[in-house]
């Protein structure tokens, strides 16, 4: 049974998805997506609706009740729910502006449950995910149409949910390792200022005042990457700036960003940038 009540300024834009030839077999498919800007009198209460729903707050604040949990969805935060279960979501304050995506598929419910851990989790996106850009890209795919649209949308939805799960995992890890955050932040600052030097995981662990094993585990869960992989990516990003802004040779750049020789630098750069340093430089505009 569905009991939905919608008040306020109404839906500004909705893009329905109508191609049903292959979607029943896809892990995810998008039924419709849209933008909503509402006032203080907006709410939706329902259950039994055969879709999952992703909500992302652009401005203002919403409140959601789901699986016995009452939580706020502030700006740049998202929530994913299974609309087959009872839910109530409403504006909190004078305005709530948000994007919404109704989706389903073979993996929709399992991913939704994975995100919520038998309750409801609000995911803070921070700077790690440009959700408006993801939403507009999905809308562009719908408007472009074509036989591959459903496959492209399924892949985009999959990547979006995977990113949300990763962010949520890091969010929980930061809460779990809250007492060690100052030590991790100090190590990150040292990595950023001494990345060109010969750094080891043992040195990082000592600076964090942790055992090697505990440091690697803590760093991986909070940052989302191993210490060595993070350092390598940071060096590659610094190298990209030098390739774009200077006339230094590849050998000179390799030494400036912490690689012992050009061969190792070129191999690492190609692995992460999908081009050699020289190719990357040639592809730069201007």
C-alpha atoms as a PDB file:
ATOM      1  CA  UNK A   1       0.000   0.000   0.000  1.00  0.00           C
ATOM      2  CA  UNK A   2       1.289   3.485  -0.860  1.00  0.00           C
ATOM      3  CA  UNK A   3       0.322   6.550   1.134  1.00  0.00           C
ATOM      4  CA  UNK A   4       2.136   9.545  -0.329  1.00  0.00           C
ATOM      5  CA  UNK A   5       1.435  13.190   0.373  1.00  0.00           C
ATOM      6  CA  UNK A   6       3.449  15.837  -1.429  1.00  0.00           C
ATOM      7  CA  UNK A   7       3.098  19.534  -0.737  1.00  0.00           C
ATOM      8  CA  UNK A   8       5.281  22.539  -1.436  1.00  0.00           C
ATOM      9  CA  UNK A   9       6.643  23.985  -4.644  1.00  0.00           C
ATOM     10  CA  UNK A  10       6.554  20.706  -6.530  1.00  0.00           C
ATOM     11  CA  UNK A  11       8.789  18.808  -8.882  1.00  0.00           C
ATOM     12  CA  UNK A  12      10.874  20.980 -11.184  1.00  0.00           C
ATOM     13  CA  UNK A  13      12.291  18.348 -13.514  1.00  0.00           C
ATOM     14  CA  UNK A  14      11.691  14.623 -13.929  1.00  0.00           C
ATOM     15  CA  UNK A  15      13.316  12.314 -16.490  1.00  0.00           C
ATOM     16  CA  UNK A  16      11.417   9.014 -16.851  1.00  0.00           C
ATOM     17  CA  UNK A  17      13.153   5.901 -18.119  1.00  0.00           C
ATOM     18  CA  UNK A  18      10.935   3.904 -20.457  1.00  0.00           C
ATOM     19  CA  UNK A  19      13.123   1.240 -22.123  1.00  0.00           C
ATOM     20  CA  UNK A  20      12.143  -2.056 -20.441  1.00  0.00           C
ATOM     21  CA  UNK A  21      13.730  -4.550 -22.845  1.00  0.00           C
ATOM     22  CA  UNK A  22      16.742  -5.498 -20.712  1.00  0.00           C
ATOM     23  CA  UNK A  23      16.358  -3.802 -17.349  1.00  0.00           C
ATOM     24  CA  UNK A  24      14.875  -6.773 -15.495  1.00  0.00           C
ATOM     25  CA  UNK A  25      18.234  -8.578 -15.783  1.00  0.00           C
ATOM     26  CA  UNK A  26      20.449  -5.616 -14.855  1.00  0.00           C
ATOM     27  CA  UNK A  27      21.983  -5.247 -11.372  1.00  0.00           C
ATOM     28  CA  UNK A  28      20.570  -1.709 -11.289  1.00  0.00           C
ATOM     29  CA  UNK A  29      18.232   0.343 -13.402  1.00  0.00           C
ATOM     30  CA  UNK A  30      16.957   3.867 -12.950  1.00  0.00           C
ATOM     31  CA  UNK A  31      13.208   4.334 -13.182  1.00  0.00           C
ATOM     32  CA  UNK A  32      13.188   8.097 -12.812  1.00  0.00           C
ATOM     33  CA  UNK A  33      15.209  10.887 -11.304  1.00  0.00           C
ATOM     34  CA  UNK A  34      14.551  14.490 -10.523  1.00  0.00           C
ATOM     35  CA  UNK A  35      15.081  17.698  -8.621  1.00  0.00           C
ATOM     36  CA  UNK A  36      12.750  18.995  -5.904  1.00  0.00           C
ATOM     37  CA  UNK A  37      12.612  22.332  -4.131  1.00  0.00           C
ATOM     38  CA  UNK A  38      10.060  22.462  -1.344  1.00  0.00           C
ATOM     39  CA  UNK A  39       8.986  24.544   1.598  1.00  0.00           C
ATOM     40  CA  UNK A  40       8.277  23.701   5.207  1.00  0.00           C
ATOM     41  CA  UNK A  41       5.009  21.893   4.465  1.00  0.00           C
ATOM     42  CA  UNK A  42       6.445  19.064   2.341  1.00  0.00           C
ATOM     43  CA  UNK A  43       6.378  15.426   3.433  1.00  0.00           C
ATOM     44  CA  UNK A  44       6.011  11.941   1.959  1.00  0.00           C
ATOM     45  CA  UNK A  45       4.781   8.964   3.977  1.00  0.00           C
ATOM     46  CA  UNK A  46       4.437   5.550   2.337  1.00  0.00           C
ATOM     47  CA  UNK A  47       5.329   1.892   2.178  1.00  0.00           C
ATOM     48  CA  UNK A  48       4.954  -0.885  -0.365  1.00  0.00           C
ATOM     49  CA  UNK A  49       6.436   1.155  -3.221  1.00  0.00           C
ATOM     50  CA  UNK A  50       8.477  -1.323  -5.343  1.00  0.00           C
ATOM     51  CA  UNK A  51      11.650   0.751  -5.763  1.00  0.00           C
ATOM     52  CA  UNK A  52      14.650   2.003  -3.850  1.00  0.00           C
ATOM     53  CA  UNK A  53      15.259   5.717  -3.399  1.00  0.00           C
ATOM     54  CA  UNK A  54      18.407   7.809  -3.131  1.00  0.00           C
ATOM     55  CA  UNK A  55      18.037  11.304  -1.647  1.00  0.00           C
ATOM     56  CA  UNK A  56      20.773  13.955  -1.733  1.00  0.00           C
ATOM     57  CA  UNK A  57      20.369  17.350  -0.058  1.00  0.00           C
ATOM     58  CA  UNK A  58      21.592  20.323  -2.082  1.00  0.00           C
ATOM     59  CA  UNK A  59      20.470  23.036   0.315  1.00  0.00           C
ATOM     60  CA  UNK A  60      18.426  23.172   3.475  1.00  0.00           C
ATOM     61  CA  UNK A  61      17.684  20.108   5.529  1.00  0.00           C
ATOM     62  CA  UNK A  62      15.422  17.093   5.406  1.00  0.00           C
ATOM     63  CA  UNK A  63      14.360  14.567   8.019  1.00  0.00           C
ATOM     64  CA  UNK A  64      13.770  10.874   7.366  1.00  0.00           C
ATOM     65  CA  UNK A  65      12.252   8.040   9.411  1.00  0.00           C
ATOM     66  CA  UNK A  66      13.127   4.543   8.246  1.00  0.00           C
ATOM     67  CA  UNK A  67      13.517   1.175   9.993  1.00  0.00           C
ATOM     68  CA  UNK A  68      12.981   2.731  13.412  1.00  0.00           C
ATOM     69  CA  UNK A  69      15.626   5.427  12.894  1.00  0.00           C
ATOM     70  CA  UNK A  70      14.943   9.164  12.824  1.00  0.00           C
ATOM     71  CA  UNK A  71      17.738  11.173  11.169  1.00  0.00           C
ATOM     72  CA  UNK A  72      18.422  14.493   9.485  1.00  0.00           C
ATOM     73  CA  UNK A  73      19.811  14.813   5.942  1.00  0.00           C
ATOM     74  CA  UNK A  74      21.768  18.086   5.899  1.00  0.00           C
ATOM     75  CA  UNK A  75      23.517  19.679   2.922  1.00  0.00           C
ATOM     76  CA  UNK A  76      25.874  17.471   0.895  1.00  0.00           C
ATOM     77  CA  UNK A  77      24.577  14.321   2.570  1.00  0.00           C
ATOM     78  CA  UNK A  78      22.731  11.349   1.095  1.00  0.00           C
ATOM     79  CA  UNK A  79      20.477   8.514   2.206  1.00  0.00           C
ATOM     80  CA  UNK A  80      19.343   5.370   0.403  1.00  0.00           C
ATOM     81  CA  UNK A  81      16.166   3.515   1.396  1.00  0.00           C
ATOM     82  CA  UNK A  82      14.002   0.629   0.223  1.00  0.00           C
ATOM     83  CA  UNK A  83      10.556   2.126  -0.417  1.00  0.00           C
ATOM     84  CA  UNK A  84       8.911  -1.253   0.082  1.00  0.00           C
ATOM     85  CA  UNK A  85       9.402  -0.566   3.794  1.00  0.00           C
ATOM     86  CA  UNK A  86       7.676   2.181   5.736  1.00  0.00           C
ATOM     87  CA  UNK A  87       9.315   5.571   5.351  1.00  0.00           C
ATOM     88  CA  UNK A  88       8.549   9.191   6.136  1.00  0.00           C
ATOM     89  CA  UNK A  89      10.681  12.022   4.854  1.00  0.00           C
ATOM     90  CA  UNK A  90       9.972  15.729   5.121  1.00  0.00           C
ATOM     91  CA  UNK A  91      11.518  19.163   5.009  1.00  0.00           C
ATOM     92  CA  UNK A  92      13.036  20.583   8.162  1.00  0.00           C
ATOM     93  CA  UNK A  93      12.915  24.364   8.243  1.00  0.00           C
ATOM     94  CA  UNK A  94      11.804  26.764   5.554  1.00  0.00           C
ATOM     95  CA  UNK A  95      13.331  24.962   2.580  1.00  0.00           C
ATOM     96  CA  UNK A  96      14.651  21.615   1.409  1.00  0.00           C
ATOM     97  CA  UNK A  97      16.254  21.360  -2.031  1.00  0.00           C
ATOM     98  CA  UNK A  98      17.317  17.895  -3.120  1.00  0.00           C
ATOM     99  CA  UNK A  99      18.005  15.455  -5.938  1.00  0.00           C
ATOM    100  CA  UNK A 100      16.257  12.086  -5.928  1.00  0.00           C
ATOM    101  CA  UNK A 101      16.753   8.872  -7.868  1.00  0.00           C
ATOM    102  CA  UNK A 102      14.261   5.992  -7.906  1.00  0.00           C
ATOM    103  CA  UNK A 103      16.023   2.786  -8.897  1.00  0.00           C
ATOM    104  CA  UNK A 104      15.633  -0.973  -8.774  1.00  0.00           C
ATOM    105  CA  UNK A 105      17.356  -4.061 -10.168  1.00  0.00           C
ATOM    106  CA  UNK A 106      18.760  -7.414  -9.147  1.00  0.00           C
ATOM    107  CA  UNK A 107      21.185  -5.866  -6.626  1.00  0.00           C
ATOM    108  CA  UNK A 108      19.231  -2.782  -5.530  1.00  0.00           C
ATOM    109  CA  UNK A 109      17.850  -4.101  -2.230  1.00  0.00           C
ATOM    110  CA  UNK A 110      21.066  -5.859  -1.193  1.00  0.00           C
ATOM    111  CA  UNK A 111      23.151  -2.697  -1.767  1.00  0.00           C
ATOM    112  CA  UNK A 112      20.576  -0.598   0.092  1.00  0.00           C
ATOM    113  CA  UNK A 113      20.680  -2.970   3.059  1.00  0.00           C
ATOM    114  CA  UNK A 114      24.487  -3.039   2.921  1.00  0.00           C
ATOM    115  CA  UNK A 115      24.559   0.737   3.210  1.00  0.00           C
ATOM    116  CA  UNK A 116      22.134   0.875   6.117  1.00  0.00           C
ATOM    117  CA  UNK A 117      23.322  -1.980   8.369  1.00  0.00           C
ATOM    118  CA  UNK A 118      19.752  -2.949   9.368  1.00  0.00           C
ATOM    119  CA  UNK A 119      18.945   0.675  10.222  1.00  0.00           C
ATOM    120  CA  UNK A 120      19.523   3.956   8.416  1.00  0.00           C
ATOM    121  CA  UNK A 121      22.856   5.580   7.617  1.00  0.00           C
ATOM    122  CA  UNK A 122      23.293   9.190   6.475  1.00  0.00           C
ATOM    123  CA  UNK A 123      26.390   9.457   4.270  1.00  0.00           C
ATOM    124  CA  UNK A 124      28.413  12.665   4.446  1.00  0.00           C
ATOM    125  CA  UNK A 125      29.988  13.243   1.053  1.00  0.00           C
ATOM    126  CA  UNK A 126      32.507  15.960   1.886  1.00  0.00           C
ATOM    127  CA  UNK A 127      34.760  16.690  -1.102  1.00  0.00           C
ATOM    128  CA  UNK A 128      35.100  13.060  -2.090  1.00  0.00           C
ATOM    129  CA  UNK A 129      32.093  12.923  -4.421  1.00  0.00           C
ATOM    130  CA  UNK A 130      30.561  15.580  -6.655  1.00  0.00           C
ATOM    131  CA  UNK A 131      27.015  14.263  -6.478  1.00  0.00           C
ATOM    132  CA  UNK A 132      25.424  17.021  -8.624  1.00  0.00           C
ATOM    133  CA  UNK A 133      27.883  16.154 -11.415  1.00  0.00           C
ATOM    134  CA  UNK A 134      26.974  12.453 -11.130  1.00  0.00           C
ATOM    135  CA  UNK A 135      23.274  13.280 -11.212  1.00  0.00           C
ATOM    136  CA  UNK A 136      23.593  15.542 -14.256  1.00  0.00           C
ATOM    137  CA  UNK A 137      25.638  12.894 -16.074  1.00  0.00           C
ATOM    138  CA  UNK A 138      22.880  10.330 -15.465  1.00  0.00           C
ATOM    139  CA  UNK A 139      20.317  12.830 -16.722  1.00  0.00           C
ATOM    140  CA  UNK A 140      22.480  13.422 -19.810  1.00  0.00           C
ATOM    141  CA  UNK A 141      22.543   9.670 -20.479  1.00  0.00           C
ATOM    142  CA  UNK A 142      18.745   9.551 -20.341  1.00  0.00           C
ATOM    143  CA  UNK A 143      18.364  12.510 -22.665  1.00  0.00           C
ATOM    144  CA  UNK A 144      20.922  11.090 -25.119  1.00  0.00           C
ATOM    145  CA  UNK A 145      18.929   7.831 -25.343  1.00  0.00           C
ATOM    146  CA  UNK A 146      20.204   5.070 -27.587  1.00  0.00           C
ATOM    147  CA  UNK A 147      20.256   1.316 -27.202  1.00  0.00           C
ATOM    148  CA  UNK A 148      23.097   1.440 -24.663  1.00  0.00           C
ATOM    149  CA  UNK A 149      21.366   3.927 -22.351  1.00  0.00           C
ATOM    150  CA  UNK A 150      20.131   1.324 -19.857  1.00  0.00           C
ATOM    151  CA  UNK A 151      23.566  -0.310 -19.634  1.00  0.00           C
ATOM    152  CA  UNK A 152      25.258   3.056 -19.120  1.00  0.00           C
ATOM    153  CA  UNK A 153      22.746   4.050 -16.434  1.00  0.00           C
ATOM    154  CA  UNK A 154      23.170   0.713 -14.672  1.00  0.00           C
ATOM    155  CA  UNK A 155      26.939   1.197 -14.603  1.00  0.00           C
ATOM    156  CA  UNK A 156      26.616   4.801 -13.395  1.00  0.00           C
ATOM    157  CA  UNK A 157      24.252   3.763 -10.588  1.00  0.00           C
ATOM    158  CA  UNK A 158      26.570   0.916  -9.617  1.00  0.00           C
ATOM    159  CA  UNK A 159      29.587   3.231  -9.415  1.00  0.00           C
ATOM    160  CA  UNK A 160      27.614   5.802  -7.421  1.00  0.00           C
ATOM    161  CA  UNK A 161      26.475   3.236  -4.841  1.00  0.00           C
ATOM    162  CA  UNK A 162      29.965   1.720  -4.579  1.00  0.00           C
ATOM    163  CA  UNK A 163      31.344   5.211  -3.882  1.00  0.00           C
ATOM    164  CA  UNK A 164      28.694   5.825  -1.216  1.00  0.00           C
ATOM    165  CA  UNK A 165      29.528   2.509   0.460  1.00  0.00           C
ATOM    166  CA  UNK A 166      33.220   3.423   0.430  1.00  0.00           C
ATOM    167  CA  UNK A 167      32.511   6.859   1.917  1.00  0.00           C
ATOM    168  CA  UNK A 168      30.282   5.348   4.568  1.00  0.00           C
ATOM    169  CA  UNK A 169      32.991   2.828   5.475  1.00  0.00           C
ATOM    170  CA  UNK A 170      35.498   5.653   5.873  1.00  0.00           C
ATOM    171  CA  UNK A 171      32.970   7.629   7.906  1.00  0.00           C
ATOM    172  CA  UNK A 172      32.517   4.727  10.316  1.00  0.00           C
ATOM    173  CA  UNK A 173      36.280   4.138  10.423  1.00  0.00           C
ATOM    174  CA  UNK A 174      36.900   7.780  11.344  1.00  0.00           C
ATOM    175  CA  UNK A 175      34.433   7.446  14.206  1.00  0.00           C
ATOM    176  CA  UNK A 176      36.054   4.176  15.312  1.00  0.00           C
ATOM    177  CA  UNK A 177      39.577   5.657  15.181  1.00  0.00           C
ATOM    178  CA  UNK A 178      38.582   9.093  16.440  1.00  0.00           C
ATOM    179  CA  UNK A 179      41.215   9.104  19.181  1.00  0.00           C
ATOM    180  CA  UNK A 180      43.946   8.392  16.604  1.00  0.00           C
ATOM    181  CA  UNK A 181      42.842  11.043  14.097  1.00  0.00           C
ATOM    182  CA  UNK A 182      45.332  13.707  15.297  1.00  0.00           C
ATOM    183  CA  UNK A 183      48.187  11.227  14.766  1.00  0.00           C
ATOM    184  CA  UNK A 184      46.943  10.294  11.287  1.00  0.00           C
ATOM    185  CA  UNK A 185      46.477  13.942  10.342  1.00  0.00           C
ATOM    186  CA  UNK A 186      50.025  14.706  11.477  1.00  0.00           C
ATOM    187  CA  UNK A 187      51.347  11.870   9.300  1.00  0.00           C
ATOM    188  CA  UNK A 188      49.376  13.169   6.300  1.00  0.00           C
ATOM    189  CA  UNK A 189      50.816  16.661   6.801  1.00  0.00           C
ATOM    190  CA  UNK A 190      54.316  15.191   6.958  1.00  0.00           C
ATOM    191  CA  UNK A 191      53.693  13.159   3.789  1.00  0.00           C
ATOM    192  CA  UNK A 192      52.540  16.280   1.975  1.00  0.00           C
ATOM    193  CA  UNK A 193      55.589  18.304   3.031  1.00  0.00           C
ATOM    194  CA  UNK A 194      58.240  15.555   2.733  1.00  0.00           C
ATOM    195  CA  UNK A 195      56.872  13.502  -0.187  1.00  0.00           C
ATOM    196  CA  UNK A 196      60.077  13.974  -2.195  1.00  0.00           C
ATOM    197  CA  UNK A 197      62.167  12.283   0.504  1.00  0.00           C
ATOM    198  CA  UNK A 198      62.702   8.569   1.006  1.00  0.00           C
ATOM    199  CA  UNK A 199      59.774   7.629   3.249  1.00  0.00           C
ATOM    200  CA  UNK A 200      58.965   4.205   4.652  1.00  0.00           C
ATOM    201  CA  UNK A 201      55.870   2.736   6.244  1.00  0.00           C
ATOM    202  CA  UNK A 202      57.892   2.062   9.394  1.00  0.00           C
ATOM    203  CA  UNK A 203      58.752   5.770   9.606  1.00  0.00           C
ATOM    204  CA  UNK A 204      55.086   6.713   9.141  1.00  0.00           C
ATOM    205  CA  UNK A 205      54.005   4.241  11.829  1.00  0.00           C
ATOM    206  CA  UNK A 206      56.586   5.655  14.237  1.00  0.00           C
ATOM    207  CA  UNK A 207      55.374   9.202  13.580  1.00  0.00           C
ATOM    208  CA  UNK A 208      51.813   8.024  14.286  1.00  0.00           C
ATOM    209  CA  UNK A 209      52.981   6.276  17.468  1.00  0.00           C
ATOM    210  CA  UNK A 210      51.445   2.981  16.329  1.00  0.00           C
ATOM    211  CA  UNK A 211      52.706  -0.465  15.493  1.00  0.00           C
ATOM    212  CA  UNK A 212      53.281  -1.054  11.782  1.00  0.00           C
ATOM    213  CA  UNK A 213      50.296  -3.423  11.534  1.00  0.00           C
ATOM    214  CA  UNK A 214      47.912  -1.140  13.428  1.00  0.00           C
ATOM    215  CA  UNK A 215      49.024   1.923  11.468  1.00  0.00           C
ATOM    216  CA  UNK A 216      48.496   0.263   8.071  1.00  0.00           C
ATOM    217  CA  UNK A 217      45.043  -0.959   9.091  1.00  0.00           C
ATOM    218  CA  UNK A 218      44.020   2.397  10.566  1.00  0.00           C
ATOM    219  CA  UNK A 219      45.348   4.372   7.576  1.00  0.00           C
ATOM    220  CA  UNK A 220      43.656   2.061   5.081  1.00  0.00           C
ATOM    221  CA  UNK A 221      40.262   2.270   6.764  1.00  0.00           C
ATOM    222  CA  UNK A 222      40.280   6.030   7.345  1.00  0.00           C
ATOM    223  CA  UNK A 223      41.973   7.241   4.148  1.00  0.00           C
ATOM    224  CA  UNK A 224      40.711   4.465   1.879  1.00  0.00           C
ATOM    225  CA  UNK A 225      44.143   3.501   0.550  1.00  0.00           C
ATOM    226  CA  UNK A 226      47.309   1.922   1.855  1.00  0.00           C
ATOM    227  CA  UNK A 227      50.017   4.372   3.031  1.00  0.00           C
ATOM    228  CA  UNK A 228      52.351   3.460   0.162  1.00  0.00           C
ATOM    229  CA  UNK A 229      49.611   3.751  -2.467  1.00  0.00           C
ATOM    230  CA  UNK A 230      48.535   7.129  -1.074  1.00  0.00           C
ATOM    231  CA  UNK A 231      52.119   8.403  -1.153  1.00  0.00           C
ATOM    232  CA  UNK A 232      52.593   7.177  -4.726  1.00  0.00           C
ATOM    233  CA  UNK A 233      49.401   8.884  -5.918  1.00  0.00           C
ATOM    234  CA  UNK A 234      50.386  12.099  -4.173  1.00  0.00           C
ATOM    235  CA  UNK A 235      53.779  12.039  -5.913  1.00  0.00           C
ATOM    236  CA  UNK A 236      52.122  11.388  -9.273  1.00  0.00           C
ATOM    237  CA  UNK A 237      49.773  14.343  -8.768  1.00  0.00           C
ATOM    238  CA  UNK A 238      52.707  16.591  -7.913  1.00  0.00           C
ATOM    239  CA  UNK A 239      54.463  15.343 -11.039  1.00  0.00           C
ATOM    240  CA  UNK A 240      51.431  16.267 -13.148  1.00  0.00           C
ATOM    241  CA  UNK A 241      51.693  19.847 -11.899  1.00  0.00           C
ATOM    242  CA  UNK A 242      55.382  19.986 -12.790  1.00  0.00           C
ATOM    243  CA  UNK A 243      54.725  18.530 -16.242  1.00  0.00           C
ATOM    244  CA  UNK A 244      52.097  21.190 -16.847  1.00  0.00           C
ATOM    245  CA  UNK A 245      53.823  24.209 -15.308  1.00  0.00           C
ATOM    246  CA  UNK A 246      57.552  23.676 -15.969  1.00  0.00           C
ATOM    247  CA  UNK A 247      59.963  22.615 -18.684  1.00  0.00           C
ATOM    248  CA  UNK A 248      61.807  20.187 -16.411  1.00  0.00           C
ATOM    249  CA  UNK A 249      62.847  16.892 -17.951  1.00  0.00           C
ATOM    250  CA  UNK A 250      61.215  13.636 -16.932  1.00  0.00           C
ATOM    251  CA  UNK A 251      64.391  12.668 -15.073  1.00  0.00           C
ATOM    252  CA  UNK A 252      64.404  15.963 -13.138  1.00  0.00           C
ATOM    253  CA  UNK A 253      60.725  15.643 -12.246  1.00  0.00           C
ATOM    254  CA  UNK A 254      61.214  12.045 -11.120  1.00  0.00           C
ATOM    255  CA  UNK A 255      63.846  13.126  -8.599  1.00  0.00           C
ATOM    256  CA  UNK A 256      61.844  16.161  -7.440  1.00  0.00           C
ATOM    257  CA  UNK A 257      58.778  14.083  -6.556  1.00  0.00           C
ATOM    258  CA  UNK A 258      60.627  11.322  -4.716  1.00  0.00           C
ATOM    259  CA  UNK A 259      61.421   8.594  -7.255  1.00  0.00           C
ATOM    260  CA  UNK A 260      64.940   7.190  -7.299  1.00  0.00           C
ATOM    261  CA  UNK A 261      65.140   7.116 -11.086  1.00  0.00           C
ATOM    262  CA  UNK A 262      63.169   7.931 -14.239  1.00  0.00           C
ATOM    263  CA  UNK A 263      62.427   4.286 -15.034  1.00  0.00           C
ATOM    264  CA  UNK A 264      60.511   3.689 -11.806  1.00  0.00           C
ATOM    265  CA  UNK A 265      58.783   7.063 -12.169  1.00  0.00           C
ATOM    266  CA  UNK A 266      57.631   6.364 -15.728  1.00  0.00           C
ATOM    267  CA  UNK A 267      56.294   2.912 -14.755  1.00  0.00           C
ATOM    268  CA  UNK A 268      54.350   4.304 -11.768  1.00  0.00           C
ATOM    269  CA  UNK A 269      53.056   7.292 -13.740  1.00  0.00           C
ATOM    270  CA  UNK A 270      51.823   5.123 -16.608  1.00  0.00           C
ATOM    271  CA  UNK A 271      50.095   2.737 -14.180  1.00  0.00           C
ATOM    272  CA  UNK A 272      48.093   5.513 -12.521  1.00  0.00           C
ATOM    273  CA  UNK A 273      47.721   8.096 -15.305  1.00  0.00           C
ATOM    274  CA  UNK A 274      47.354   5.632 -18.215  1.00  0.00           C
ATOM    275  CA  UNK A 275      50.043   7.507 -20.153  1.00  0.00           C
ATOM    276  CA  UNK A 276      53.767   8.098 -19.880  1.00  0.00           C
ATOM    277  CA  UNK A 277      54.872  11.487 -18.506  1.00  0.00           C
ATOM    278  CA  UNK A 278      55.862  12.621 -22.006  1.00  0.00           C
ATOM    279  CA  UNK A 279      52.533  11.535 -23.449  1.00  0.00           C
ATOM    280  CA  UNK A 280      50.685  13.288 -20.628  1.00  0.00           C
ATOM    281  CA  UNK A 281      52.609  16.513 -21.301  1.00  0.00           C
ATOM    282  CA  UNK A 282      51.862  16.372 -25.031  1.00  0.00           C
ATOM    283  CA  UNK A 283      48.133  15.948 -24.308  1.00  0.00           C
ATOM    284  CA  UNK A 284      47.948  19.096 -22.175  1.00  0.00           C
ATOM    285  CA  UNK A 285      46.011  21.971 -23.732  1.00  0.00           C
ATOM    286  CA  UNK A 286      47.972  24.838 -25.219  1.00  0.00           C
END
